[in-house]
Amino acid sequence: MKTVNELRKELYEYCDKTETSRKGIDYLVNYYIYSIGWTEEKAIEYAIGLFNNGTIEQIKLIGKDGKEI
């Protein structure tokens, strides 16, 4: 089992590899922790899963006007 620090490092590696904002991902992780009540570990693992299943890439393809860029 990975530590929270190892998970966060892995998450940031995904951010860097896909040119995804670390600040935006931190916001998402904090939402899961403070709004939903998840542990930091669960929130980070879930965010990593969003990279693995293509969800983050799909979100990045949608512009602010709701149209695909």
PDB file of N, CA and C in Angstrom:
ATOM      1  N   MET A   1       0.839  -1.180   0.000  1.00  0.00           N
ATOM      2  CA  MET A   1       0.000   0.000   0.000  1.00  0.00           C
ATOM      3  C   MET A   1       0.889   1.251   0.000  1.00  0.00           C
ATOM      4  N   LYS A   2       0.540   2.206  -0.840  1.00  0.00           N
ATOM      5  CA  LYS A   2       1.331   3.426  -0.968  1.00  0.00           C
ATOM      6  C   LYS A   2       0.945   4.425   0.114  1.00  0.00           C
ATOM      7  N   THR A   3       1.926   5.250   0.484  1.00  0.00           N
ATOM      8  CA  THR A   3       1.659   6.316   1.438  1.00  0.00           C
ATOM      9  C   THR A   3       0.966   7.473   0.712  1.00  0.00           C
ATOM     10  N   VAL A   4       0.404   8.390   1.474  1.00  0.00           N
ATOM     11  CA  VAL A   4      -0.245   9.562   0.881  1.00  0.00           C
ATOM     12  C   VAL A   4       0.775  10.367   0.075  1.00  0.00           C
ATOM     13  N   ASN A   5       1.999  10.489   0.590  1.00  0.00           N
ATOM     14  CA  ASN A   5       3.032  11.230  -0.142  1.00  0.00           C
ATOM     15  C   ASN A   5       3.370  10.561  -1.470  1.00  0.00           C
ATOM     16  N   GLU A   6       3.437   9.244  -1.478  1.00  0.00           N
ATOM     17  CA  GLU A   6       3.712   8.516  -2.723  1.00  0.00           C
ATOM     18  C   GLU A   6       2.556   8.685  -3.709  1.00  0.00           C
ATOM     19  N   LEU A   7       1.324   8.643  -3.198  1.00  0.00           N
ATOM     20  CA  LEU A   7       0.158   8.830  -4.067  1.00  0.00           C
ATOM     21  C   LEU A   7       0.139  10.231  -4.661  1.00  0.00           C
ATOM     22  N   ARG A   8       0.431  11.226  -3.830  1.00  0.00           N
ATOM     23  CA  ARG A   8       0.427  12.610  -4.320  1.00  0.00           C
ATOM     24  C   ARG A   8       1.524  12.800  -5.370  1.00  0.00           C
ATOM     25  N   LYS A   9       2.693  12.182  -5.152  1.00  0.00           N
ATOM     26  CA  LYS A   9       3.766  12.259  -6.147  1.00  0.00           C
ATOM     27  C   LYS A   9       3.303  11.651  -7.466  1.00  0.00           C
ATOM     28  N   GLU A  10       2.635  10.504  -7.394  1.00  0.00           N
ATOM     29  CA  GLU A  10       2.115   9.851  -8.598  1.00  0.00           C
ATOM     30  C   GLU A  10       1.081  10.740  -9.286  1.00  0.00           C
ATOM     31  N   LEU A  11       0.205  11.349  -8.496  1.00  0.00           N
ATOM     32  CA  LEU A  11      -0.815  12.239  -9.049  1.00  0.00           C
ATOM     33  C   LEU A  11      -0.171  13.410  -9.781  1.00  0.00           C
ATOM     34  N   TYR A  12       0.842  14.015  -9.167  1.00  0.00           N
ATOM     35  CA  TYR A  12       1.525  15.150  -9.801  1.00  0.00           C
ATOM     36  C   TYR A  12       2.292  14.724 -11.051  1.00  0.00           C
ATOM     37  N   GLU A  13       2.768  13.492 -11.082  1.00  0.00           N
ATOM     38  CA  GLU A  13       3.416  12.988 -12.294  1.00  0.00           C
ATOM     39  C   GLU A  13       2.411  12.907 -13.440  1.00  0.00           C
ATOM     40  N   TYR A  14       1.189  12.475 -13.134  1.00  0.00           N
ATOM     41  CA  TYR A  14       0.132  12.468 -14.149  1.00  0.00           C
ATOM     42  C   TYR A  14      -0.159  13.889 -14.608  1.00  0.00           C
ATOM     43  N   CYS A  15      -0.224  14.820 -13.669  1.00  0.00           N
ATOM     44  CA  CYS A  15      -0.477  16.222 -14.022  1.00  0.00           C
ATOM     45  C   CYS A  15       0.585  16.731 -14.983  1.00  0.00           C
ATOM     46  N   ASP A  16       1.847  16.506 -14.630  1.00  0.00           N
ATOM     47  CA  ASP A  16       2.952  16.992 -15.449  1.00  0.00           C
ATOM     48  C   ASP A  16       2.964  16.334 -16.823  1.00  0.00           C
ATOM     49  N   LYS A  17       2.713  15.034 -16.850  1.00  0.00           N
ATOM     50  CA  LYS A  17       2.746  14.281 -18.112  1.00  0.00           C
ATOM     51  C   LYS A  17       1.635  14.731 -19.062  1.00  0.00           C
ATOM     52  N   THR A  18       0.486  15.122 -18.506  1.00  0.00           N
ATOM     53  CA  THR A  18      -0.667  15.491 -19.342  1.00  0.00           C
ATOM     54  C   THR A  18      -0.896  17.003 -19.407  1.00  0.00           C
ATOM     55  N   GLU A  19       0.054  17.763 -18.848  1.00  0.00           N
ATOM     56  CA  GLU A  19      -0.059  19.227 -18.820  1.00  0.00           C
ATOM     57  C   GLU A  19      -1.366  19.678 -18.165  1.00  0.00           C
ATOM     58  N   THR A  20      -1.684  19.042 -17.049  1.00  0.00           N
ATOM     59  CA  THR A  20      -2.871  19.363 -16.268  1.00  0.00           C
ATOM     60  C   THR A  20      -2.435  20.189 -15.066  1.00  0.00           C
ATOM     61  N   SER A  21      -3.192  21.202 -14.739  1.00  0.00           N
ATOM     62  CA  SER A  21      -2.869  22.094 -13.635  1.00  0.00           C
ATOM     63  C   SER A  21      -2.865  21.354 -12.300  1.00  0.00           C
ATOM     64  N   ARG A  22      -1.743  21.432 -11.596  1.00  0.00           N
ATOM     65  CA  ARG A  22      -1.678  20.847 -10.256  1.00  0.00           C
ATOM     66  C   ARG A  22      -2.660  21.561  -9.328  1.00  0.00           C
ATOM     67  N   LYS A  23      -2.781  22.870  -9.501  1.00  0.00           N
ATOM     68  CA  LYS A  23      -3.694  23.654  -8.664  1.00  0.00           C
ATOM     69  C   LYS A  23      -5.133  23.186  -8.859  1.00  0.00           C
ATOM     70  N   GLY A  24      -5.517  22.926 -10.089  1.00  0.00           N
ATOM     71  CA  GLY A  24      -6.864  22.440 -10.377  1.00  0.00           C
ATOM     72  C   GLY A  24      -7.110  21.056  -9.782  1.00  0.00           C
ATOM     73  N   ILE A  25      -6.115  20.190  -9.871  1.00  0.00           N
ATOM     74  CA  ILE A  25      -6.250  18.843  -9.306  1.00  0.00           C
ATOM     75  C   ILE A  25      -6.289  18.912  -7.789  1.00  0.00           C
ATOM     76  N   ASP A  26      -5.473  19.799  -7.189  1.00  0.00           N
ATOM     77  CA  ASP A  26      -5.527  19.980  -5.732  1.00  0.00           C
ATOM     78  C   ASP A  26      -6.912  20.449  -5.302  1.00  0.00           C
ATOM     79  N   TYR A  27      -7.508  21.354  -6.088  1.00  0.00           N
ATOM     80  CA  TYR A  27      -8.856  21.831  -5.790  1.00  0.00           C
ATOM     81  C   TYR A  27      -9.843  20.659  -5.803  1.00  0.00           C
ATOM     82  N   LEU A  28      -9.727  19.801  -6.802  1.00  0.00           N
ATOM     83  CA  LEU A  28     -10.601  18.640  -6.919  1.00  0.00           C
ATOM     84  C   LEU A  28     -10.418  17.687  -5.735  1.00  0.00           C
ATOM     85  N   VAL A  29      -9.180  17.402  -5.387  1.00  0.00           N
ATOM     86  CA  VAL A  29      -8.888  16.511  -4.259  1.00  0.00           C
ATOM     87  C   VAL A  29      -9.444  17.109  -2.965  1.00  0.00           C
ATOM     88  N   ASN A  30      -9.239  18.403  -2.770  1.00  0.00           N
ATOM     89  CA  ASN A  30      -9.759  19.056  -1.566  1.00  0.00           C
ATOM     90  C   ASN A  30     -11.284  19.040  -1.526  1.00  0.00           C
ATOM     91  N   TYR A  31     -11.917  19.145  -2.679  1.00  0.00           N
ATOM     92  CA  TYR A  31     -13.378  19.031  -2.738  1.00  0.00           C
ATOM     93  C   TYR A  31     -13.804  17.664  -2.210  1.00  0.00           C
ATOM     94  N   TYR A  32     -13.147  16.618  -2.668  1.00  0.00           N
ATOM     95  CA  TYR A  32     -13.495  15.268  -2.211  1.00  0.00           C
ATOM     96  C   TYR A  32     -13.288  15.123  -0.709  1.00  0.00           C
ATOM     97  N   ILE A  33     -12.235  15.750  -0.190  1.00  0.00           N
ATOM     98  CA  ILE A  33     -11.932  15.635   1.238  1.00  0.00           C
ATOM     99  C   ILE A  33     -12.920  16.440   2.081  1.00  0.00           C
ATOM    100  N   TYR A  34     -13.095  17.719   1.739  1.00  0.00           N
ATOM    101  CA  TYR A  34     -13.845  18.619   2.616  1.00  0.00           C
ATOM    102  C   TYR A  34     -15.343  18.663   2.341  1.00  0.00           C
ATOM    103  N   SER A  35     -15.744  18.370   1.122  1.00  0.00           N
ATOM    104  CA  SER A  35     -17.180  18.404   0.816  1.00  0.00           C
ATOM    105  C   SER A  35     -17.830  17.028   0.920  1.00  0.00           C
ATOM    106  N   ILE A  36     -17.100  16.011   0.489  1.00  0.00           N
ATOM    107  CA  ILE A  36     -17.670  14.665   0.496  1.00  0.00           C
ATOM    108  C   ILE A  36     -17.265  13.901   1.757  1.00  0.00           C
ATOM    109  N   GLY A  37     -16.133  14.296   2.345  1.00  0.00           N
ATOM    110  CA  GLY A  37     -15.695  13.647   3.575  1.00  0.00           C
ATOM    111  C   GLY A  37     -14.783  12.455   3.376  1.00  0.00           C
ATOM    112  N   TRP A  38     -14.201  12.340   2.187  1.00  0.00           N
ATOM    113  CA  TRP A  38     -13.282  11.248   1.929  1.00  0.00           C
ATOM    114  C   TRP A  38     -11.958  11.488   2.637  1.00  0.00           C
ATOM    115  N   THR A  39     -11.203  10.406   2.844  1.00  0.00           N
ATOM    116  CA  THR A  39      -9.839  10.550   3.344  1.00  0.00           C
ATOM    117  C   THR A  39      -8.981  11.110   2.214  1.00  0.00           C
ATOM    118  N   GLU A  40      -7.842  11.679   2.588  1.00  0.00           N
ATOM    119  CA  GLU A  40      -6.924  12.201   1.568  1.00  0.00           C
ATOM    120  C   GLU A  40      -6.472  11.080   0.642  1.00  0.00           C
ATOM    121  N   GLU A  41      -6.207   9.923   1.213  1.00  0.00           N
ATOM    122  CA  GLU A  41      -5.779   8.774   0.415  1.00  0.00           C
ATOM    123  C   GLU A  41      -6.834   8.397  -0.626  1.00  0.00           C
ATOM    124  N   LYS A  42      -8.085   8.284  -0.204  1.00  0.00           N
ATOM    125  CA  LYS A  42      -9.154   7.912  -1.129  1.00  0.00           C
ATOM    126  C   LYS A  42      -9.337   8.970  -2.214  1.00  0.00           C
ATOM    127  N   ALA A  43      -9.268  10.242  -1.821  1.00  0.00           N
ATOM    128  CA  ALA A  43      -9.453  11.334  -2.781  1.00  0.00           C
ATOM    129  C   ALA A  43      -8.361  11.321  -3.849  1.00  0.00           C
ATOM    130  N   ILE A  44      -7.122  11.101  -3.437  1.00  0.00           N
ATOM    131  CA  ILE A  44      -6.006  11.074  -4.389  1.00  0.00           C
ATOM    132  C   ILE A  44      -6.104   9.846  -5.288  1.00  0.00           C
ATOM    133  N   GLU A  45      -6.419   8.700  -4.702  1.00  0.00           N
ATOM    134  CA  GLU A  45      -6.577   7.490  -5.517  1.00  0.00           C
ATOM    135  C   GLU A  45      -7.677   7.668  -6.554  1.00  0.00           C
ATOM    136  N   TYR A  46      -8.769   8.315  -6.167  1.00  0.00           N
ATOM    137  CA  TYR A  46      -9.865   8.545  -7.103  1.00  0.00           C
ATOM    138  C   TYR A  46      -9.423   9.481  -8.226  1.00  0.00           C
ATOM    139  N   ALA A  47      -8.694  10.538  -7.873  1.00  0.00           N
ATOM    140  CA  ALA A  47      -8.206  11.476  -8.886  1.00  0.00           C
ATOM    141  C   ALA A  47      -7.261  10.779  -9.861  1.00  0.00           C
ATOM    142  N   ILE A  48      -6.401   9.912  -9.358  1.00  0.00           N
ATOM    143  CA  ILE A  48      -5.516   9.136 -10.236  1.00  0.00           C
ATOM    144  C   ILE A  48      -6.360   8.279 -11.180  1.00  0.00           C
ATOM    145  N   GLY A  49      -7.416   7.703 -10.663  1.00  0.00           N
ATOM    146  CA  GLY A  49      -8.321   6.909 -11.490  1.00  0.00           C
ATOM    147  C   GLY A  49      -8.951   7.724 -12.606  1.00  0.00           C
ATOM    148  N   LEU A  50      -9.206   9.008 -12.341  1.00  0.00           N
ATOM    149  CA  LEU A  50      -9.781   9.876 -13.378  1.00  0.00           C
ATOM    150  C   LEU A  50      -8.798  10.101 -14.528  1.00  0.00           C
ATOM    151  N   PHE A  51      -7.515  10.086 -14.223  1.00  0.00           N
ATOM    152  CA  PHE A  51      -6.511  10.144 -15.291  1.00  0.00           C
ATOM    153  C   PHE A  51      -6.509   8.827 -16.054  1.00  0.00           C
ATOM    154  N   ASN A  52      -6.521   7.720 -15.313  1.00  0.00           N
ATOM    155  CA  ASN A  52      -6.418   6.395 -15.942  1.00  0.00           C
ATOM    156  C   ASN A  52      -7.613   6.055 -16.822  1.00  0.00           C
ATOM    157  N   ASN A  53      -8.803   6.519 -16.455  1.00  0.00           N
ATOM    158  CA  ASN A  53      -9.977   6.167 -17.260  1.00  0.00           C
ATOM    159  C   ASN A  53     -10.313   7.206 -18.332  1.00  0.00           C
ATOM    160  N   GLY A  54      -9.475   8.240 -18.464  1.00  0.00           N
ATOM    161  CA  GLY A  54      -9.649   9.223 -19.524  1.00  0.00           C
ATOM    162  C   GLY A  54     -10.564  10.381 -19.187  1.00  0.00           C
ATOM    163  N   THR A  55     -11.106  10.417 -17.987  1.00  0.00           N
ATOM    164  CA  THR A  55     -12.039  11.481 -17.616  1.00  0.00           C
ATOM    165  C   THR A  55     -11.370  12.853 -17.636  1.00  0.00           C
ATOM    166  N   ILE A  56     -10.171  12.965 -17.092  1.00  0.00           N
ATOM    167  CA  ILE A  56      -9.477  14.257 -17.060  1.00  0.00           C
ATOM    168  C   ILE A  56      -9.239  14.751 -18.480  1.00  0.00           C
ATOM    169  N   GLU A  57      -8.822  13.875 -19.361  1.00  0.00           N
ATOM    170  CA  GLU A  57      -8.573  14.274 -20.752  1.00  0.00           C
ATOM    171  C   GLU A  57      -9.865  14.757 -21.413  1.00  0.00           C
ATOM    172  N   GLN A  58     -10.960  14.077 -21.145  1.00  0.00           N
ATOM    173  CA  GLN A  58     -12.252  14.488 -21.712  1.00  0.00           C
ATOM    174  C   GLN A  58     -12.672  15.859 -21.193  1.00  0.00           C
ATOM    175  N   ILE A  59     -12.462  16.098 -19.910  1.00  0.00           N
ATOM    176  CA  ILE A  59     -12.798  17.403 -19.328  1.00  0.00           C
ATOM    177  C   ILE A  59     -11.965  18.494 -19.978  1.00  0.00           C
ATOM    178  N   LYS A  60     -10.696  18.211 -20.223  1.00  0.00           N
ATOM    179  CA  LYS A  60      -9.806  19.205 -20.820  1.00  0.00           C
ATOM    180  C   LYS A  60     -10.186  19.512 -22.267  1.00  0.00           C
ATOM    181  N   LEU A  61     -10.920  18.624 -22.929  1.00  0.00           N
ATOM    182  CA  LEU A  61     -11.310  18.849 -24.316  1.00  0.00           C
ATOM    183  C   LEU A  61     -12.516  19.772 -24.442  1.00  0.00           C
ATOM    184  N   ILE A  62     -13.178  20.052 -23.329  1.00  0.00           N
ATOM    185  CA  ILE A  62     -14.354  20.901 -23.366  1.00  0.00           C
ATOM    186  C   ILE A  62     -13.964  22.312 -22.977  1.00  0.00           C
ATOM    187  N   GLY A  63     -14.262  23.272 -23.820  1.00  0.00           N
ATOM    188  CA  GLY A  63     -13.931  24.661 -23.553  1.00  0.00           C
ATOM    189  C   GLY A  63     -14.891  25.288 -22.553  1.00  0.00           C
ATOM    190  N   LYS A  64     -14.599  26.522 -22.188  1.00  0.00           N
ATOM    191  CA  LYS A  64     -15.430  27.226 -21.212  1.00  0.00           C
ATOM    192  C   LYS A  64     -16.846  27.456 -21.720  1.00  0.00           C
ATOM    193  N   ASP A  65     -17.021  27.483 -23.031  1.00  0.00           N
ATOM    194  CA  ASP A  65     -18.352  27.698 -23.593  1.00  0.00           C
ATOM    195  C   ASP A  65     -19.126  26.392 -23.756  1.00  0.00           C
ATOM    196  N   GLY A  66     -18.533  25.288 -23.302  1.00  0.00           N
ATOM    197  CA  GLY A  66     -19.212  23.993 -23.379  1.00  0.00           C
ATOM    198  C   GLY A  66     -18.980  23.275 -24.689  1.00  0.00           C
ATOM    199  N   LYS A  67     -18.259  23.903 -25.605  1.00  0.00           N
ATOM    200  CA  LYS A  67     -17.977  23.289 -26.897  1.00  0.00           C
ATOM    201  C   LYS A  67     -16.603  22.664 -26.878  1.00  0.00           C
ATOM    202  N   GLU A  68     -16.461  21.585 -27.630  1.00  0.00           N
ATOM    203  CA  GLU A  68     -15.179  20.893 -27.693  1.00  0.00           C
ATOM    204  C   GLU A  68     -14.157  21.787 -28.370  1.00  0.00           C
ATOM    205  N   ILE A  69     -12.927  21.785 -27.793  1.00  0.00           N
ATOM    206  CA  ILE A  69     -11.859  22.572 -28.409  1.00  0.00           C
ATOM    207  C   ILE A  69     -10.967  21.694 -29.247  1.00  0.00           C
TER     208      ILE A  69
END
